C-alpha atoms as a PDB file:
ATOM      1  CA  UNK A   1      43.104  43.903  14.653  1.00  0.00           C
ATOM      2  CA  UNK A   2      45.027  44.556  11.481  1.00  0.00           C
ATOM      3  CA  UNK A   3      43.613  47.071   9.057  1.00  0.00           C
ATOM      4  CA  UNK A   4      42.224  45.746   5.828  1.00  0.00           C
ATOM      5  CA  UNK A   5      43.947  46.696   2.639  1.00  0.00           C
ATOM      6  CA  UNK A   6      42.280  47.035  -0.692  1.00  0.00           C
ATOM      7  CA  UNK A   7      43.541  44.143  -2.750  1.00  0.00           C
ATOM      8  CA  UNK A   8      44.141  44.973  -6.391  1.00  0.00           C
ATOM      9  CA  UNK A   9      44.251  41.791  -8.482  1.00  0.00           C
ATOM     10  CA  UNK A  10      47.300  41.420 -10.669  1.00  0.00           C
ATOM     11  CA  UNK A  11      47.112  40.785 -14.366  1.00  0.00           C
ATOM     12  CA  UNK A  12      47.148  37.069 -15.228  1.00  0.00           C
ATOM     13  CA  UNK A  13      50.530  35.581 -15.919  1.00  0.00           C
ATOM     14  CA  UNK A  14      51.413  34.587 -19.421  1.00  0.00           C
ATOM     15  CA  UNK A  15      50.702  35.907 -22.827  1.00  0.00           C
ATOM     16  CA  UNK A  16      47.440  37.905 -23.136  1.00  0.00           C
ATOM     17  CA  UNK A  17      46.757  36.164 -26.450  1.00  0.00           C
ATOM     18  CA  UNK A  18      46.830  32.794 -24.678  1.00  0.00           C
ATOM     19  CA  UNK A  19      44.289  34.031 -22.140  1.00  0.00           C
ATOM     20  CA  UNK A  20      42.119  35.406 -24.917  1.00  0.00           C
ATOM     21  CA  UNK A  21      42.152  32.001 -26.646  1.00  0.00           C
ATOM     22  CA  UNK A  22      41.225  30.231 -23.389  1.00  0.00           C
ATOM     23  CA  UNK A  23      38.305  32.578 -22.817  1.00  0.00           C
ATOM     24  CA  UNK A  24      37.091  32.119 -26.402  1.00  0.00           C
ATOM     25  CA  UNK A  25      37.402  28.341 -26.078  1.00  0.00           C
ATOM     26  CA  UNK A  26      35.381  28.414 -22.863  1.00  0.00           C
ATOM     27  CA  UNK A  27      32.701  30.494 -24.552  1.00  0.00           C
ATOM     28  CA  UNK A  28      32.464  27.983 -27.412  1.00  0.00           C
ATOM     29  CA  UNK A  29      32.189  25.048 -25.000  1.00  0.00           C
ATOM     30  CA  UNK A  30      29.495  26.866 -23.022  1.00  0.00           C
ATOM     31  CA  UNK A  31      27.472  27.557 -26.185  1.00  0.00           C
ATOM     32  CA  UNK A  32      27.731  23.916 -27.228  1.00  0.00           C
ATOM     33  CA  UNK A  33      26.657  22.764 -23.753  1.00  0.00           C
ATOM     34  CA  UNK A  34      23.685  25.142 -23.772  1.00  0.00           C
ATOM     35  CA  UNK A  35      22.679  23.744 -27.165  1.00  0.00           C
ATOM     36  CA  UNK A  36      22.989  20.172 -25.884  1.00  0.00           C
ATOM     37  CA  UNK A  37      20.692  20.766 -22.908  1.00  0.00           C
ATOM     38  CA  UNK A  38      18.161  22.778 -24.910  1.00  0.00           C
ATOM     39  CA  UNK A  39      18.851  26.284 -23.584  1.00  0.00           C
ATOM     40  CA  UNK A  40      20.025  27.555 -26.956  1.00  0.00           C
ATOM     41  CA  UNK A  41      19.045  26.967 -30.573  1.00  0.00           C
ATOM     42  CA  UNK A  42      21.883  26.599 -33.071  1.00  0.00           C
ATOM     43  CA  UNK A  43      21.804  25.678 -36.730  1.00  0.00           C
ATOM     44  CA  UNK A  44      23.698  22.625 -37.918  1.00  0.00           C
ATOM     45  CA  UNK A  45      26.294  24.846 -39.601  1.00  0.00           C
ATOM     46  CA  UNK A  46      26.891  26.728 -36.316  1.00  0.00           C
ATOM     47  CA  UNK A  47      27.387  23.445 -34.450  1.00  0.00           C
ATOM     48  CA  UNK A  48      29.795  22.246 -37.136  1.00  0.00           C
ATOM     49  CA  UNK A  49      31.738  25.530 -36.997  1.00  0.00           C
ATOM     50  CA  UNK A  50      32.065  25.262 -33.202  1.00  0.00           C
ATOM     51  CA  UNK A  51      33.274  21.657 -33.512  1.00  0.00           C
ATOM     52  CA  UNK A  52      35.882  22.633 -36.098  1.00  0.00           C
ATOM     53  CA  UNK A  53      37.176  25.482 -33.920  1.00  0.00           C
ATOM     54  CA  UNK A  54      37.299  23.285 -30.818  1.00  0.00           C
ATOM     55  CA  UNK A  55      39.244  20.597 -32.678  1.00  0.00           C
ATOM     56  CA  UNK A  56      41.924  23.208 -33.372  1.00  0.00           C
ATOM     57  CA  UNK A  57      42.423  24.183 -29.716  1.00  0.00           C
ATOM     58  CA  UNK A  58      41.433  21.144 -27.629  1.00  0.00           C
ATOM     59  CA  UNK A  59      43.246  17.816 -27.709  1.00  0.00           C
ATOM     60  CA  UNK A  60      41.448  14.885 -29.262  1.00  0.00           C
ATOM     61  CA  UNK A  61      40.812  12.250 -26.600  1.00  0.00           C
ATOM     62  CA  UNK A  62      40.730   9.272 -28.933  1.00  0.00           C
ATOM     63  CA  UNK A  63      42.886   6.276 -28.174  1.00  0.00           C
ATOM     64  CA  UNK A  64      46.420   6.550 -29.492  1.00  0.00           C
ATOM     65  CA  UNK A  65      48.519   3.458 -29.982  1.00  0.00           C
ATOM     66  CA  UNK A  66      52.283   3.634 -29.840  1.00  0.00           C
ATOM     67  CA  UNK A  67      54.506   0.758 -30.837  1.00  0.00           C
ATOM     68  CA  UNK A  68      58.033   0.482 -29.517  1.00  0.00           C
ATOM     69  CA  UNK A  69      60.740  -1.718 -30.894  1.00  0.00           C
ATOM     70  CA  UNK A  70      63.805  -2.784 -28.975  1.00  0.00           C
ATOM     71  CA  UNK A  71      64.251  -3.776 -25.382  1.00  0.00           C
ATOM     72  CA  UNK A  72      64.290  -1.961 -22.086  1.00  0.00           C
ATOM     73  CA  UNK A  73      65.065  -2.858 -18.492  1.00  0.00           C
ATOM     74  CA  UNK A  74      62.952  -1.999 -15.463  1.00  0.00           C
ATOM     75  CA  UNK A  75      64.831  -1.912 -12.185  1.00  0.00           C
ATOM     76  CA  UNK A  76      63.075  -2.380  -8.883  1.00  0.00           C
ATOM     77  CA  UNK A  77      65.080  -0.520  -6.251  1.00  0.00           C
ATOM     78  CA  UNK A  78      64.178  -0.670  -2.561  1.00  0.00           C
ATOM     79  CA  UNK A  79      63.142   2.589  -0.974  1.00  0.00           C
ATOM     80  CA  UNK A  80      65.644   4.029   1.493  1.00  0.00           C
END
């Protein structure tokens, strides 16, 4: 049987500031979820501050309409 080696995890790829932002965003979402299910008490100003911060880092999932002018052609090619 092969001997086990101690695995040392590598540092995450990417910019450390990006990882820091992701962790902070996750913490904000967790606090808001805990407030929603009654585990945590937050004032209205705290909830508003969390919402403002989340709007800066998370995409808004509202419906976006895009209008295109002009024409385009769709080709249907048989698969080889």
